[in-house]
Amino acid sequence: MDTPEARQDRARVRRATAHTILDRLGLFDRWRPLGSPVLVGSVALDLVVEPDIDMEIYSPAPSVAEGFGALVACAQLPGVRALRFSKALDLADRGLYWRLDYEFTPDETWKIDMWWLPDDHPGPRAADLVAPVRAALGDSTRDAVLAVKEGAAARGEAAQGVWVYQSVLDHGVRTYDEFRAWHARTPTDGLTSWRPGAMG
């Protein structure tokens, strides 16, 4: 079914799956001794379409060795298929990145993106976007976000969350075709410090 209620129900099921995976892997407990883990992105906003979970971890000094120490045991758990790493402390992202691929079912693999960032990270930070986006969303805009995301998924195309939220909340986008048109005329390369209501 393609109704607002059906879209919201699907999002709730996906969010519940995401939390089941987080519990199985114990990721918050693994990161807490090293810093402050924060759930961000679509799972935090209850707008899950793609099988993705995003976390940020904050501490004074991210450590490659300590990060691997937290995740090596996790990588040995049943269902974990891959562990990837990128060191970007001296790049625009200014952090350490790990990604876990977790096979929830034989037909459904989730990826968990984890950025370990310093407390004094200059931004933009996904953690700072959750509260203002949540506050700005109403029933109609929440449904529009899900409609755009599901439209992208149905076509096998990527639609990064922050650009979907901006297009819906600040530019009136309501369908995936409208999003594609907006995206085609909007610079979306690199990081963005966008917040709801901050046009441009």
Foldseek 3Di string as FASTA:
>chain_A
DQDLVVLLVVLQVLLVVVVVVCVVLVLCVLCVVPFHKDWFDCSLLSQDDAQETEIEGEEADDDPVSVCVSCVVSCPDPFWDDKDWDDACVHPVNWIWIKTWGPPDPVHIHIYIYTYHYPVPVDDDRRVASVQLSVQDDSQLSSQLSQLVVVCVVVVHDDDNVLSSCCVQPPPHRHNVSSVVVVVPDDDPDDDNDYRPPDD
